[in-house]
Amino acid sequence: MCYYSTVQLADFHYNIPEELIADTPPEKRGDARLLALNRKTGAVEDRNYADCVDYFNVGDVLVINDTKVIKARLLTQKANGAIRELILVEKHGRVDDWHTHTVIYRRRLREGEILTIGGDKLEVVKILEGGMAIIRSERDLLTVADQYGSVPLPPYMRRQATASDIERYQTVFAEHQGSVAAPTASLNMTDTILSSLEAKGVIVVRATLHVGLGTFLPIRVDDVTKHHMHKEYFEVPKATVEAIQAAKRRGNRVIALGTTITRTLEYAYEAILNQPPRDISGEADIFIYPGYEFKTIDALMTNFHMPESTVLMLTAAFAGWRNLKPAYEHAVGERYRFFSYGDSMLIY
């Protein structure tokens, strides 16, 4: 894989003015800017998001993540009236037991305690390490979350989720429930743009990776190479594998819509590229940082990521930090909107 022996976290810092952090989506989905970055030359272009179509060629393959965000944030109540916030963890496996499930909790819980939310009772079965616990519910927790839960917005938005977030913190092609964070690079994509891509001769295919909160947890070591990624469940259908293999044979590009798809396609590259096509599934825990040699993807659509984050590391590995940092500085100077609800990048 040709990783570097050491990579220092502090080297991947940049200054982002608070007012450029997007805490709400654009009024109209897709009404965003696009910074196009040529990773060979470092050249940047300021475009609109819909202009991404111009950068695709006939026969290119765009891979999208069709995971669906669940309303994972539950405000429960103890017998004494105290409020306890629970965050359901993402789905793992084709079938999860949503009656007994792992949660992240804040403030103290004890094994055996009964928490209530609406008319449902949740039992704390076991306290785990790292602020996690196992809870049990008589009713399917996905149903409970859909009725009483709220969208788990990233902490940097510093606000409570609203009714509009149920739609906007979700992609237009979301299908398979299981994520507790959105594949945010996809939030600006629209049905109209997808139709324009397909009309141009671009092949749009799907895969699923259920995004966990661990994706956005800070790196807590100075030497990035010592960081360990959490596992996230993925599925890549046979048809997607066939499309990718055919594109490689033709000399076309495989373009990932987001870092979640990138992790999926790079983790499973051996099965995707070098084996007969089949449905692929597993638990991806690949951590991509500068020095990694990409196997599957040839271009990346993404958004602007937080300083010193794992997703910034992945993007820097693909674009080259020598290209990406000036591009970010350009975006700051041009007043792009940053992070989940912000503007987008195309790195080609």
Protein backbone atom coordinates (compact mmCIF):
# COMPACT_ATOMS: atom_id res chain seq x y z
CA MET A 1 0.00 0.00 0.00
CA CYS A 2 3.05 2.24 0.29
CA TYR A 3 2.00 4.24 3.35
CA TYR A 4 4.52 6.64 4.86
CA SER A 5 6.15 5.44 8.08
CA THR A 6 4.97 8.54 9.98
CA VAL A 7 2.41 11.24 9.21
CA GLN A 8 1.98 14.09 11.68
CA LEU A 9 -1.55 15.23 12.48
CA ALA A 10 -0.50 18.86 12.92
CA ASP A 11 0.60 18.99 9.28
CA PHE A 12 -3.05 18.72 8.19
CA HIS A 13 -4.41 21.82 9.81
CA TYR A 14 -5.93 24.83 8.11
CA ASN A 15 -7.80 27.86 9.39
CA ILE A 16 -11.52 28.02 8.73
CA PRO A 17 -13.50 31.13 9.71
CA GLU A 18 -16.53 30.26 11.82
CA GLU A 19 -18.91 32.09 9.49
CA LEU A 20 -18.01 29.78 6.58
CA ILE A 21 -19.26 26.68 8.39
CA ALA A 22 -22.64 25.78 6.89
CA ASP A 23 -25.14 24.93 9.62
CA THR A 24 -28.09 24.86 7.22
CA PRO A 25 -28.40 23.46 3.69
CA PRO A 26 -28.81 25.67 0.61
CA GLU A 27 -32.41 26.75 0.08
CA LYS A 28 -32.63 24.49 -2.96
CA ARG A 29 -30.83 21.16 -3.06
CA GLY A 30 -27.95 21.31 -5.52
CA ASP A 31 -27.77 25.11 -5.45
CA ALA A 32 -24.15 24.94 -4.39
CA ARG A 33 -20.72 25.82 -5.67
CA LEU A 34 -18.16 23.35 -6.99
CA LEU A 35 -14.41 23.71 -6.72
CA ALA A 36 -12.81 21.55 -9.42
CA LEU A 37 -9.23 20.52 -8.60
CA ASN A 38 -6.86 18.95 -11.10
CA ARG A 39 -4.71 16.70 -8.92
CA LYS A 40 -1.97 16.47 -11.55
CA THR A 41 -1.42 20.22 -11.95
CA GLY A 42 -3.03 21.69 -8.82
CA ALA A 43 -5.16 24.00 -10.99
CA VAL A 44 -8.56 24.98 -9.58
CA GLU A 45 -11.75 26.22 -11.21
CA ASP A 46 -14.73 27.87 -9.53
CA ARG A 47 -17.91 26.33 -10.91
CA ASN A 48 -21.49 25.57 -9.93
CA TYR A 49 -22.38 22.10 -8.65
CA ALA A 50 -24.43 21.18 -11.74
CA ASP A 51 -21.30 21.81 -13.84
CA CYS A 52 -19.86 18.54 -12.53
CA VAL A 53 -21.39 16.94 -15.64
CA ASP A 54 -18.74 18.72 -17.74
CA TYR A 55 -15.97 16.73 -16.05
CA PHE A 56 -17.41 13.29 -16.85
CA ASN A 57 -16.77 11.34 -20.05
CA VAL A 58 -18.97 8.85 -21.89
CA GLY A 59 -18.46 5.46 -20.28
CA ASP A 60 -17.24 6.76 -16.92
CA VAL A 61 -18.76 5.04 -13.89
CA LEU A 62 -20.11 7.06 -10.94
CA VAL A 63 -20.59 5.05 -7.75
CA ILE A 64 -23.06 6.42 -5.19
CA ASN A 65 -23.83 5.38 -1.60
CA ASP A 66 -27.51 4.50 -1.16
CA THR A 67 -27.45 4.17 2.62
CA LYS A 68 -30.26 5.88 4.55
CA VAL A 69 -29.79 7.89 7.75
CA ILE A 70 -31.93 6.82 10.68
CA LYS A 71 -33.26 9.25 13.29
CA ALA A 72 -30.70 7.88 15.69
CA ARG A 73 -30.80 10.50 18.47
CA LEU A 74 -33.16 9.45 21.27
CA LEU A 75 -33.95 11.58 24.33
CA THR A 76 -34.99 9.13 27.01
CA GLN A 77 -36.08 9.62 30.61
CA LYS A 78 -34.99 7.82 33.77
CA ALA A 79 -37.41 6.90 36.57
CA ASN A 80 -36.38 10.04 38.49
CA GLY A 81 -37.12 12.25 35.49
CA ALA A 82 -33.50 12.80 34.44
CA ILE A 83 -32.93 12.97 30.67
CA ARG A 84 -30.44 10.65 29.00
CA GLU A 85 -29.43 11.08 25.37
CA LEU A 86 -28.81 7.90 23.40
CA ILE A 87 -27.40 7.62 19.88
CA LEU A 88 -28.05 4.35 18.09
CA VAL A 89 -24.94 3.00 16.39
CA GLU A 90 -25.00 2.19 12.69
CA LYS A 91 -26.21 -1.07 11.20
CA HIS A 92 -23.72 -3.94 10.96
CA GLY A 93 -24.52 -6.93 8.78
CA ARG A 94 -27.32 -7.77 6.40
CA VAL A 95 -29.63 -8.34 9.35
CA ASP A 96 -29.30 -6.52 12.65
CA ASP A 97 -31.24 -7.23 15.85
CA TRP A 98 -32.91 -3.88 16.36
CA HIS A 99 -34.53 -5.06 19.60
CA THR A 100 -31.16 -5.39 21.35
CA HIS A 101 -28.72 -2.79 20.06
CA THR A 102 -25.63 -0.78 20.96
CA VAL A 103 -25.93 2.91 21.75
CA ILE A 104 -23.64 5.78 22.63
CA TYR A 105 -24.83 7.52 25.79
CA ARG A 106 -24.07 10.71 27.66
CA ARG A 107 -23.97 11.02 31.46
CA ARG A 108 -24.30 8.11 33.83
CA LEU A 109 -26.27 4.94 33.17
CA ARG A 110 -26.49 1.75 35.22
CA GLU A 111 -27.14 -1.81 34.11
CA GLY A 112 -30.75 -2.78 34.71
CA GLU A 113 -32.10 0.77 34.52
CA ILE A 114 -35.32 1.34 32.61
CA LEU A 115 -35.50 4.35 30.30
CA THR A 116 -38.70 5.56 28.71
CA ILE A 117 -39.34 7.35 25.45
CA GLY A 118 -42.95 7.96 24.45
CA GLY A 119 -44.77 4.77 25.33
CA ASP A 120 -41.69 2.57 24.98
CA LYS A 121 -39.43 1.20 27.70
CA LEU A 122 -35.74 0.58 27.06
CA GLU A 123 -33.67 -1.59 29.40
CA VAL A 124 -29.96 -0.98 29.90
CA VAL A 125 -28.61 -4.50 29.48
CA LYS A 126 -24.86 -3.89 29.66
CA ILE A 127 -22.47 -0.98 30.06
CA LEU A 128 -19.56 -1.15 27.61
CA GLU A 129 -16.31 0.78 27.41
CA GLY A 130 -16.01 4.10 25.62
CA GLY A 131 -19.38 5.55 26.60
CA MET A 132 -21.37 2.78 24.97
CA ALA A 133 -24.08 0.46 26.22
CA ILE A 134 -26.40 -2.29 25.03
CA ILE A 135 -30.12 -1.62 25.37
CA ARG A 136 -33.14 -3.82 24.84
CA SER A 137 -36.58 -2.80 23.59
CA GLU A 138 -39.78 -4.80 23.13
CA ARG A 139 -40.43 -2.79 19.99
CA ASP A 140 -38.06 -2.58 17.03
CA LEU A 141 -35.71 0.33 17.78
CA LEU A 142 -35.81 1.47 14.16
CA THR A 143 -39.55 1.97 14.58
CA VAL A 144 -39.02 3.71 17.93
CA ALA A 145 -36.39 5.99 16.39
CA ASP A 146 -38.56 6.80 13.41
CA GLN A 147 -41.41 7.82 15.73
CA TYR A 148 -39.53 9.62 18.51
CA GLY A 149 -35.96 10.15 17.34
CA SER A 150 -34.29 13.08 15.65
CA VAL A 151 -31.61 13.45 13.01
CA PRO A 152 -28.11 13.21 14.56
CA LEU A 153 -26.64 16.41 13.15
CA PRO A 154 -22.87 16.91 13.52
CA PRO A 155 -21.95 18.75 16.75
CA TYR A 156 -20.31 21.65 14.90
CA MET A 157 -23.72 22.80 13.64
CA ARG A 158 -24.52 23.75 17.23
CA ARG A 159 -28.27 23.46 16.84
CA GLN A 160 -31.11 21.00 17.26
CA ALA A 161 -32.42 19.16 14.21
CA THR A 162 -35.57 20.55 12.63
CA ALA A 163 -38.27 18.97 10.49
CA SER A 164 -36.45 20.11 7.33
CA ASP A 165 -33.35 18.15 8.32
CA ILE A 166 -35.31 14.90 7.99
CA GLU A 167 -35.33 15.52 4.24
CA ARG A 168 -32.14 17.53 3.73
CA TYR A 169 -29.76 15.42 5.87
CA GLN A 170 -30.61 12.55 3.53
CA THR A 171 -29.63 11.86 -0.07
CA VAL A 172 -32.22 11.76 -2.86
CA PHE A 173 -31.27 8.13 -3.51
CA ALA A 174 -31.26 6.91 0.12
CA GLU A 175 -32.70 3.40 0.28
CA HIS A 176 -31.16 1.07 2.88
CA GLN A 177 -31.59 2.18 6.51
CA GLY A 178 -28.55 1.94 8.71
CA SER A 179 -26.41 5.11 8.86
CA VAL A 180 -26.18 7.48 11.80
CA ALA A 181 -24.43 10.15 9.73
CA ALA A 182 -25.08 11.18 6.17
CA PRO A 183 -22.72 10.45 3.27
CA THR A 184 -22.44 14.20 3.08
CA ALA A 185 -20.76 14.48 -0.33
CA SER A 186 -24.05 13.26 -1.78
CA LEU A 187 -26.29 15.87 -0.19
CA ASN A 188 -25.91 18.29 -3.12
CA MET A 189 -26.62 15.64 -5.76
CA THR A 190 -30.07 15.84 -7.38
CA ASP A 191 -32.17 13.60 -9.60
CA THR A 192 -31.83 16.18 -12.37
CA ILE A 193 -28.03 16.09 -12.29
CA LEU A 194 -28.02 12.29 -12.18
CA SER A 195 -30.30 12.26 -15.22
CA SER A 196 -27.95 14.66 -17.02
CA LEU A 197 -25.00 12.40 -16.27
CA GLU A 198 -26.82 9.33 -17.58
CA ALA A 199 -27.94 11.23 -20.68
CA LYS A 200 -24.27 12.01 -21.34
CA GLY A 201 -23.43 8.29 -21.20
CA VAL A 202 -22.17 8.09 -17.63
CA ILE A 203 -23.00 4.80 -15.88
CA VAL A 204 -24.42 5.41 -12.39
CA VAL A 205 -24.24 2.44 -10.02
CA ARG A 206 -24.79 1.90 -6.32
CA ALA A 207 -23.10 0.47 -3.28
CA THR A 208 -23.98 0.72 0.40
CA LEU A 209 -21.81 1.70 3.34
CA HIS A 210 -23.56 2.44 6.63
CA VAL A 211 -21.80 5.49 8.02
CA GLY A 212 -20.97 5.50 11.72
CA LEU A 213 -20.21 8.33 14.09
CA GLY A 214 -16.66 7.03 14.26
CA THR A 215 -16.07 8.52 10.83
CA PHE A 216 -16.15 11.97 12.41
CA LEU A 217 -14.38 11.21 15.68
CA PRO A 218 -11.17 13.21 16.13
CA ILE A 219 -7.77 11.58 15.69
CA ARG A 220 -6.26 11.48 19.18
CA VAL A 221 -2.65 10.63 18.31
CA ASP A 222 0.04 12.92 16.94
CA ASP A 223 1.34 10.25 14.56
CA VAL A 224 -1.57 9.54 12.21
CA THR A 225 -0.23 6.10 11.35
CA LYS A 226 -1.11 4.97 14.89
CA HIS A 227 -4.82 5.78 14.48
CA HIS A 228 -7.26 2.87 14.13
CA MET A 229 -10.48 3.25 12.15
CA HIS A 230 -13.80 1.83 13.28
CA LYS A 231 -15.55 -0.80 11.17
CA GLU A 232 -18.46 0.04 8.88
CA TYR A 233 -20.64 -2.49 7.09
CA PHE A 234 -20.79 -2.36 3.30
CA GLU A 235 -22.38 -4.13 0.36
CA VAL A 236 -21.29 -3.88 -3.29
CA PRO A 237 -23.76 -5.53 -5.71
CA LYS A 238 -22.55 -7.76 -8.52
CA ALA A 239 -23.86 -5.29 -11.12
CA THR A 240 -21.64 -2.55 -9.66
CA VAL A 241 -18.60 -4.83 -9.74
CA GLU A 242 -19.36 -5.67 -13.38
CA ALA A 243 -19.66 -1.98 -14.29
CA ILE A 244 -16.35 -1.13 -12.60
CA GLN A 245 -14.50 -4.01 -14.25
CA ALA A 246 -15.91 -3.07 -17.66
CA ALA A 247 -14.87 0.57 -17.18
CA LYS A 248 -11.32 -0.46 -16.33
CA ARG A 249 -11.14 -2.63 -19.44
CA ARG A 250 -12.35 0.28 -21.60
CA GLY A 251 -9.96 2.76 -20.05
CA ASN A 252 -12.76 4.77 -18.46
CA ARG A 253 -12.69 6.22 -14.97
CA VAL A 254 -14.36 5.09 -11.77
CA ILE A 255 -15.56 8.16 -9.88
CA ALA A 256 -16.58 7.92 -6.23
CA LEU A 257 -19.31 10.18 -4.87
CA GLY A 258 -17.86 10.69 -1.43
CA THR A 259 -15.27 9.34 0.98
CA THR A 260 -17.66 6.63 2.19
CA ILE A 261 -17.79 5.08 -1.28
CA THR A 262 -14.04 5.57 -1.62
CA ARG A 263 -13.37 3.57 1.55
CA THR A 264 -15.71 0.84 0.34
CA LEU A 265 -14.16 0.52 -3.11
CA GLU A 266 -10.59 0.69 -1.85
CA TYR A 267 -11.14 -1.76 1.01
CA ALA A 268 -12.70 -4.34 -1.33
CA TYR A 269 -10.48 -3.61 -4.35
CA GLU A 270 -9.13 -7.16 -4.66
CA ALA A 271 -12.62 -8.69 -4.96
CA ILE A 272 -13.85 -5.82 -7.13
CA LEU A 273 -10.98 -5.71 -9.61
CA ASN A 274 -9.38 -9.14 -9.63
CA GLN A 275 -12.10 -11.72 -9.07
CA PRO A 276 -15.18 -12.85 -11.01
CA PRO A 277 -18.09 -10.45 -10.39
CA ARG A 278 -20.27 -11.29 -7.39
CA ASP A 279 -22.11 -9.59 -4.55
CA ILE A 280 -19.54 -8.42 -2.00
CA SER A 281 -20.12 -7.50 1.65
CA GLY A 282 -18.02 -7.02 4.74
CA GLU A 283 -16.77 -4.65 7.42
CA ALA A 284 -14.46 -1.93 6.13
CA ASP A 285 -11.94 -0.47 8.56
CA ILE A 286 -9.46 0.94 6.07
CA PHE A 287 -7.79 4.20 7.12
CA ILE A 288 -6.53 6.08 4.07
CA TYR A 289 -3.93 8.79 4.62
CA PRO A 290 -1.17 10.33 2.49
CA GLY A 291 1.11 7.72 0.98
CA TYR A 292 -1.74 5.36 0.10
CA GLU A 293 -1.83 4.17 -3.52
CA PHE A 294 -5.41 4.15 -4.82
CA LYS A 295 -6.49 0.97 -6.60
CA THR A 296 -10.10 1.47 -7.67
CA ILE A 297 -11.10 5.12 -7.94
CA ASP A 298 -9.83 7.61 -10.52
CA ALA A 299 -11.73 10.73 -9.44
CA LEU A 300 -13.54 11.88 -6.32
CA MET A 301 -16.53 14.12 -5.65
CA THR A 302 -16.54 15.25 -2.05
CA ASN A 303 -17.16 18.23 0.21
CA PHE A 304 -14.87 20.33 2.40
CA HIS A 305 -13.71 18.48 5.49
CA MET A 306 -12.77 19.47 9.01
CA PRO A 307 -9.11 20.12 9.82
CA GLU A 308 -7.15 17.08 11.03
CA SER A 309 -10.02 14.66 10.30
CA THR A 310 -9.84 11.16 8.84
CA VAL A 311 -11.86 12.25 5.80
CA LEU A 312 -9.49 15.16 5.19
CA MET A 313 -6.62 12.66 5.35
CA LEU A 314 -8.30 10.51 2.70
CA THR A 315 -8.89 13.52 0.46
CA ALA A 316 -5.30 14.67 0.94
CA ALA A 317 -4.08 11.19 0.01
CA PHE A 318 -6.00 11.38 -3.26
CA ALA A 319 -5.33 14.98 -4.25
CA GLY A 320 -1.94 15.41 -2.63
CA TRP A 321 -1.76 17.79 0.33
CA ARG A 322 0.45 20.11 -1.72
CA ASN A 323 -2.58 20.55 -4.02
CA LEU A 324 -5.39 20.24 -1.51
CA LYS A 325 -4.21 22.79 1.05
CA PRO A 326 -3.91 25.65 -1.52
CA ALA A 327 -7.31 24.62 -2.89
CA TYR A 328 -8.81 24.89 0.60
CA GLU A 329 -7.13 28.27 1.10
CA HIS A 330 -8.61 29.37 -2.23
CA ALA A 331 -12.05 28.17 -1.07
CA VAL A 332 -11.73 30.17 2.15
CA GLY A 333 -10.73 33.26 0.20
CA GLU A 334 -13.66 32.83 -2.19
CA ARG A 335 -16.09 32.32 0.71
CA TYR A 336 -17.16 28.77 -0.06
CA ARG A 337 -19.41 27.12 2.54
CA PHE A 338 -17.75 24.29 4.45
CA PHE A 339 -18.64 20.84 5.83
CA SER A 340 -21.78 18.71 5.62
CA TYR A 341 -24.30 21.25 4.32
CA GLY A 342 -21.69 23.22 2.41
CA ASP A 343 -20.28 23.39 -1.11
CA SER A 344 -18.50 20.59 -2.95
CA MET A 345 -15.23 19.60 -4.60
CA LEU A 346 -14.44 17.51 -7.65
CA ILE A 347 -10.91 16.12 -7.64
CA TYR A 348 -9.93 14.60 -10.97
